[in-house]
Amino acid sequence: MNATDSRLLRTFVREYYRQQRLQSCFCRIPATQCHILNALGDAGGTLPQSDLTAYLGLEKSWVSRAVESLASDGSLIKTKCCTDARCSTLTLTEAGKKRYEELNAVLDAQAAEIINSIPASDRDTVRKSLKLLADALTKNSPSCTCGNMAGAVVIRQAENDDIDRIKSLLKSRHLPFEDITLDGPACFVTAVSGSKTVGCAGFEAYGDCALLRSVAVAEKAAGCGTGRALVAAVEKRIAAAGIQSVFLLTTDAVSFWNHSGYTVVERDSAPPAIRNSFEYTSACPRTAKLMNKQLGI
């Protein structure tokens, strides 16, 4: 990197961050609370506090005070997430989700104004460059010790380049992986720590219902809320697709899914599209339990 590249990056980060701070002030949300709401919302509404702190790169005391403020005003709740008494999972409440959506509307408008100020013929080039820059920053993110693993966990939409890593993770956790693809009805999210894939989850949309599938967390990332954060991220996407009824099949995780709001139902009660899916007909044994959840109920 030459000096010009360095100055350009620093100027970009400094000016964009300054404008975001002004927008958060406009929304009457302190900057740290703004970052927390965005991180939780982008992750599907749930994150371990340790991962949140590492992801934001802020002082623990700043994050702790901001979390307590958001908890006291009803924007989030804290629950213990593992055997370590110091480990808590943060979850947005309905009020917190509303604040997240309002904040993002303001920030999205700001981003649109910036992009629209660029000549129309150059906008796609800028978007491609921003994507390359974001990928480079994620790939080269420095590691930090956090809970059971190195680096903060970020949950994002899976892309074609993620498929082989998702398959490898599913195979290591003894889950079906042969039919994994982003084509057809499937949609996947992935949890990454630096350049490593540490979790995944997906769903297949079938009209007015969905099949939640392939939820897996790497052994080193287990025990601190990553699985629940993945489920929340997938459920958010299912709800955004206008689907309320979610089914899944499990052989040994009924307790986990019960705590996530799912109940066991008769296998034959599944809609025809679910019964014809690869998961139902081939991937999962006949002894697998069928579970269902009605989102928003």
Protein backbone atom coordinates (compact mmCIF):
# COMPACT_ATOMS: atom_id res chain seq x y z
CA MET A 1 0.00 0.00 0.00
CA ASN A 2 1.33 3.45 -0.85
CA ALA A 3 0.79 6.67 1.09
CA THR A 4 -2.06 7.76 -1.18
CA ASP A 5 -3.99 4.54 -0.55
CA SER A 6 -3.54 4.98 3.19
CA ARG A 7 -4.77 8.58 3.14
CA LEU A 8 -7.77 7.66 1.01
CA LEU A 9 -8.80 4.89 3.39
CA ARG A 10 -8.34 7.04 6.47
CA THR A 11 -10.29 9.90 4.92
CA PHE A 12 -13.11 7.59 3.87
CA VAL A 13 -13.41 5.97 7.30
CA ARG A 14 -13.11 9.26 9.21
CA GLU A 15 -15.63 11.20 7.11
CA TYR A 16 -18.18 8.39 6.88
CA TYR A 17 -17.95 7.74 10.62
CA ARG A 18 -18.35 11.47 11.32
CA GLN A 19 -21.50 11.62 9.20
CA GLN A 20 -22.89 8.50 10.87
CA ARG A 21 -22.31 10.08 14.29
CA LEU A 22 -24.27 13.14 13.14
CA GLN A 23 -27.11 10.91 11.97
CA SER A 24 -27.19 9.02 15.28
CA CYS A 25 -27.40 12.38 17.07
CA PHE A 26 -30.28 13.26 14.78
CA CYS A 27 -32.01 10.07 15.99
CA ARG A 28 -31.15 11.02 19.59
CA ILE A 29 -29.20 7.81 20.06
CA PRO A 30 -25.66 7.96 21.54
CA ALA A 31 -23.07 6.64 19.10
CA THR A 32 -22.16 3.53 21.11
CA GLN A 33 -25.83 2.57 21.50
CA CYS A 34 -26.25 3.13 17.77
CA HIS A 35 -23.42 0.67 17.02
CA ILE A 36 -24.90 -1.91 19.42
CA LEU A 37 -28.39 -1.68 17.92
CA ASN A 38 -26.95 -2.07 14.42
CA ALA A 39 -24.73 -5.02 15.33
CA LEU A 40 -27.57 -6.86 17.09
CA GLY A 41 -30.08 -6.08 14.36
CA ASP A 42 -27.74 -7.15 11.57
CA ALA A 43 -27.04 -10.42 13.43
CA GLY A 44 -30.75 -11.23 13.59
CA GLY A 45 -31.41 -9.78 17.02
CA THR A 46 -29.13 -11.90 19.23
CA LEU A 47 -25.40 -11.92 20.04
CA PRO A 48 -23.17 -12.93 22.96
CA GLN A 49 -21.99 -9.72 24.68
CA SER A 50 -18.36 -10.86 24.39
CA ASP A 51 -18.69 -11.24 20.61
CA LEU A 52 -20.45 -7.88 20.38
CA THR A 53 -17.62 -6.15 22.25
CA ALA A 54 -14.94 -7.77 20.08
CA TYR A 55 -16.86 -7.01 16.88
CA LEU A 56 -17.29 -3.33 17.75
CA GLY A 57 -13.67 -2.98 18.85
CA LEU A 58 -14.68 -0.68 21.72
CA GLU A 59 -13.69 -0.59 25.36
CA LYS A 60 -15.59 -3.17 27.42
CA SER A 61 -16.65 -0.49 29.89
CA TRP A 62 -18.19 1.63 27.11
CA VAL A 63 -20.11 -1.32 25.72
CA SER A 64 -21.23 -2.44 29.20
CA ARG A 65 -22.60 1.00 30.07
CA ALA A 66 -24.37 1.31 26.72
CA VAL A 67 -25.82 -2.20 27.08
CA GLU A 68 -27.14 -1.37 30.55
CA SER A 69 -28.75 1.81 29.20
CA LEU A 70 -30.42 -0.09 26.36
CA ALA A 71 -31.58 -2.78 28.80
CA SER A 72 -33.00 -0.19 31.19
CA ASP A 73 -35.01 1.54 28.46
CA GLY A 74 -36.40 -1.80 27.23
CA SER A 75 -34.47 -2.05 23.96
CA LEU A 76 -32.75 -5.34 24.83
CA ILE A 77 -32.62 -8.10 27.42
CA LYS A 78 -29.60 -9.92 28.89
CA THR A 79 -29.59 -13.65 29.63
CA LYS A 80 -26.86 -16.01 30.76
CA CYS A 81 -25.64 -18.00 27.76
CA CYS A 82 -23.15 -20.56 29.13
CA THR A 83 -21.60 -21.94 32.29
CA ASP A 84 -19.35 -18.89 32.62
CA ALA A 85 -21.25 -16.46 34.84
CA ARG A 86 -19.58 -13.56 33.03
CA CYS A 87 -21.06 -14.57 29.66
CA SER A 88 -24.39 -13.03 28.62
CA THR A 89 -26.45 -13.13 25.47
CA LEU A 90 -28.06 -9.89 24.32
CA THR A 91 -31.40 -10.00 22.52
CA LEU A 92 -33.32 -7.11 21.00
CA THR A 93 -36.87 -6.64 22.28
CA GLU A 94 -39.68 -5.57 19.97
CA ALA A 95 -38.99 -1.98 21.02
CA GLY A 96 -35.30 -2.49 20.25
CA LYS A 97 -36.10 -3.95 16.84
CA LYS A 98 -38.25 -0.89 16.08
CA ARG A 99 -35.40 1.45 17.09
CA TYR A 100 -33.01 -0.60 14.91
CA GLU A 101 -35.34 -0.30 11.91
CA GLU A 102 -35.82 3.44 12.44
CA LEU A 103 -32.09 3.99 12.79
CA ASN A 104 -31.35 1.96 9.67
CA ALA A 105 -33.90 3.92 7.67
CA VAL A 106 -31.98 7.10 8.52
CA LEU A 107 -28.57 5.55 7.82
CA ASP A 108 -29.81 3.95 4.58
CA ALA A 109 -31.07 7.33 3.43
CA GLN A 110 -27.66 8.82 4.22
CA ALA A 111 -25.90 6.08 2.21
CA ALA A 112 -28.31 6.55 -0.71
CA GLU A 113 -27.62 10.28 -0.72
CA ILE A 114 -23.87 9.63 -0.88
CA ILE A 115 -24.15 7.04 -3.67
CA ASN A 116 -26.56 9.24 -5.65
CA SER A 117 -24.07 12.12 -5.49
CA ILE A 118 -21.71 9.99 -7.61
CA PRO A 119 -22.21 10.13 -11.41
CA ALA A 120 -24.67 7.38 -12.41
CA SER A 121 -22.15 5.82 -14.81
CA ASP A 122 -19.71 5.25 -11.93
CA ARG A 123 -22.07 3.92 -9.24
CA ASP A 124 -21.80 0.22 -10.08
CA THR A 125 -18.01 0.50 -10.07
CA VAL A 126 -18.13 2.14 -6.65
CA ARG A 127 -20.47 -0.57 -5.32
CA LYS A 128 -18.13 -3.29 -6.60
CA SER A 129 -15.14 -1.53 -5.04
CA LEU A 130 -16.94 -1.20 -1.70
CA LYS A 131 -17.74 -4.93 -1.75
CA LEU A 132 -14.10 -5.78 -2.45
CA LEU A 133 -12.97 -3.44 0.32
CA ALA A 134 -15.45 -4.88 2.83
CA ASP A 135 -14.35 -8.44 1.97
CA ALA A 136 -10.69 -7.49 2.37
CA LEU A 137 -11.33 -5.87 5.74
CA THR A 138 -13.24 -8.93 6.98
CA LYS A 139 -10.60 -11.34 5.71
CA ASN A 140 -7.76 -9.43 7.34
CA SER A 141 -9.56 -8.67 10.59
CA PRO A 142 -7.08 -9.13 13.45
CA SER A 143 -7.82 -11.87 15.93
CA CYS A 144 -8.68 -11.20 19.53
CA THR A 145 -9.31 -13.60 22.37
CA CYS A 146 -13.03 -13.78 23.06
CA GLY A 147 -14.70 -16.57 25.03
CA ASN A 148 -13.86 -19.94 23.49
CA MET A 149 -12.46 -18.69 20.20
CA ALA A 150 -10.39 -16.02 18.44
CA GLY A 151 -12.11 -13.08 16.80
CA ALA A 152 -15.64 -11.74 16.87
CA VAL A 153 -18.40 -13.71 15.20
CA VAL A 154 -20.23 -11.92 12.39
CA ILE A 155 -23.39 -13.37 10.84
CA ARG A 156 -24.08 -12.49 7.22
CA GLN A 157 -25.84 -13.73 4.10
CA ALA A 158 -24.02 -16.71 2.55
CA GLU A 159 -22.58 -16.35 -0.93
CA ASN A 160 -21.44 -18.90 -3.50
CA ASP A 161 -17.86 -18.71 -2.21
CA ASP A 162 -19.12 -19.89 1.21
CA ILE A 163 -20.76 -23.10 0.01
CA ASP A 164 -17.72 -25.39 0.22
CA ARG A 165 -16.93 -24.15 3.75
CA ILE A 166 -20.56 -24.63 4.80
CA LYS A 167 -20.53 -28.18 3.44
CA SER A 168 -17.28 -28.92 5.25
CA LEU A 169 -18.72 -27.63 8.54
CA LEU A 170 -21.94 -29.65 8.15
CA LYS A 171 -19.93 -32.77 7.34
CA SER A 172 -17.77 -32.28 10.46
CA ARG A 173 -20.95 -32.03 12.57
CA HIS A 174 -22.44 -35.17 10.94
CA LEU A 175 -25.28 -33.28 9.24
CA PRO A 176 -26.55 -33.69 5.65
CA PHE A 177 -24.62 -31.53 3.21
CA GLU A 178 -24.83 -33.17 -0.22
CA ASP A 179 -27.66 -31.01 -1.57
CA ILE A 180 -26.44 -27.64 -0.25
CA THR A 181 -26.79 -24.93 -2.89
CA LEU A 182 -27.96 -21.33 -3.15
CA ASP A 183 -30.11 -22.19 -6.15
CA GLY A 184 -33.79 -23.01 -5.87
CA PRO A 185 -35.71 -22.41 -2.65
CA ALA A 186 -32.72 -22.37 -0.28
CA CYS A 187 -31.30 -19.37 1.59
CA PHE A 188 -28.32 -19.59 3.95
CA VAL A 189 -26.54 -17.41 6.48
CA THR A 190 -23.04 -18.02 7.74
CA ALA A 191 -21.21 -17.09 10.93
CA VAL A 192 -17.61 -16.05 10.35
CA SER A 193 -14.74 -15.22 12.67
CA GLY A 194 -12.00 -13.52 10.69
CA SER A 195 -11.56 -15.75 7.63
CA LYS A 196 -13.06 -18.86 9.29
CA THR A 197 -16.60 -20.18 8.91
CA VAL A 198 -17.78 -21.12 12.42
CA GLY A 199 -21.51 -21.58 11.88
CA CYS A 200 -24.29 -21.80 9.33
CA ALA A 201 -28.04 -22.10 9.05
CA GLY A 202 -30.53 -22.07 6.21
CA PHE A 203 -34.11 -22.46 5.17
CA GLU A 204 -36.08 -23.56 2.15
CA ALA A 205 -39.20 -21.59 1.27
CA TYR A 206 -42.25 -23.54 0.11
CA GLY A 207 -45.14 -21.16 -0.45
CA ASP A 208 -46.63 -20.21 2.91
CA CYS A 209 -44.24 -22.37 4.97
CA ALA A 210 -40.51 -22.84 5.37
CA LEU A 211 -38.15 -25.66 6.34
CA LEU A 212 -35.38 -24.55 8.71
CA ARG A 213 -32.30 -26.71 8.15
CA SER A 214 -28.54 -27.15 8.39
CA VAL A 215 -28.01 -25.30 11.67
CA ALA A 216 -24.44 -26.03 12.75
CA VAL A 217 -21.79 -24.39 14.92
CA ALA A 218 -18.10 -25.28 14.96
CA GLU A 219 -16.96 -26.93 18.18
CA LYS A 220 -14.75 -23.99 19.17
CA ALA A 221 -17.66 -21.56 18.77
CA ALA A 222 -20.20 -23.63 20.69
CA GLY A 223 -21.69 -22.61 24.01
CA CYS A 224 -21.88 -18.84 23.74
CA GLY A 225 -25.04 -18.14 21.75
CA THR A 226 -23.82 -18.46 18.15
CA GLY A 227 -26.44 -21.10 17.34
CA ARG A 228 -29.30 -18.99 18.68
CA ALA A 229 -27.97 -15.97 16.79
CA LEU A 230 -27.95 -17.99 13.56
CA VAL A 231 -31.52 -19.16 14.16
CA ALA A 232 -32.64 -15.59 14.86
CA ALA A 233 -30.98 -14.40 11.64
CA VAL A 234 -32.73 -17.09 9.58
CA GLU A 235 -36.11 -16.49 11.24
CA LYS A 236 -35.74 -12.79 10.45
CA ARG A 237 -35.30 -13.62 6.76
CA ILE A 238 -38.21 -16.07 6.82
CA ALA A 239 -40.49 -13.42 8.34
CA ALA A 240 -39.28 -10.87 5.78
CA ALA A 241 -40.41 -13.31 3.06
CA GLY A 242 -43.92 -13.17 4.52
CA ILE A 243 -43.79 -16.73 5.89
CA GLN A 244 -45.14 -17.52 9.35
CA SER A 245 -45.10 -21.32 9.67
CA VAL A 246 -41.61 -22.83 10.11
CA PHE A 247 -40.84 -26.55 10.27
CA LEU A 248 -37.63 -28.44 11.07
CA LEU A 249 -36.42 -32.00 11.59
CA THR A 250 -34.13 -33.02 14.45
CA THR A 251 -32.86 -36.25 15.93
CA ASP A 252 -31.19 -35.07 19.13
CA ALA A 253 -31.85 -31.35 19.71
CA VAL A 254 -35.48 -31.23 20.76
CA SER A 255 -34.60 -29.41 24.00
CA PHE A 256 -32.65 -26.68 22.14
CA TRP A 257 -35.53 -26.12 19.73
CA ASN A 258 -38.10 -26.12 22.55
CA HIS A 259 -36.21 -23.23 24.12
CA SER A 260 -36.34 -21.48 20.74
CA GLY A 261 -40.14 -21.72 20.61
CA TYR A 262 -40.57 -24.88 18.52
CA THR A 263 -42.88 -27.76 19.46
CA VAL A 264 -42.98 -31.38 18.30
CA VAL A 265 -45.79 -32.18 15.85
CA GLU A 266 -46.81 -35.32 14.00
CA ARG A 267 -44.57 -35.99 11.01
CA ASP A 268 -47.54 -36.57 8.76
CA SER A 269 -48.90 -33.13 9.61
CA ALA A 270 -46.19 -31.50 7.50
CA PRO A 271 -47.45 -29.74 4.35
CA PRO A 272 -46.92 -31.71 1.11
CA ALA A 273 -44.03 -29.48 -0.02
CA ILE A 274 -42.15 -30.19 3.22
CA ARG A 275 -42.83 -33.92 2.94
CA ASN A 276 -41.38 -33.89 -0.58
CA SER A 277 -38.19 -32.09 0.41
CA PHE A 278 -34.77 -33.79 0.39
CA GLU A 279 -34.44 -33.30 4.15
CA TYR A 280 -37.75 -35.08 4.82
CA THR A 281 -37.47 -37.89 2.26
CA SER A 282 -33.76 -38.71 2.27
CA ALA A 283 -31.43 -36.71 4.51
CA CYS A 284 -33.06 -37.24 7.91
CA PRO A 285 -34.01 -40.65 9.33
CA ARG A 286 -37.62 -41.60 9.85
CA THR A 287 -37.03 -41.33 13.60
CA ALA A 288 -36.29 -37.59 13.34
CA LYS A 289 -38.80 -35.42 15.14
CA LEU A 290 -40.77 -32.84 13.17
CA MET A 291 -41.11 -29.51 14.95
CA ASN A 292 -43.03 -26.35 14.14
CA LYS A 293 -43.10 -22.69 15.15
CA GLN A 294 -45.48 -19.93 14.15
CA LEU A 295 -43.46 -16.74 13.85
CA GLY A 296 -44.99 -13.74 15.52
CA ILE A 297 -47.17 -15.84 17.82
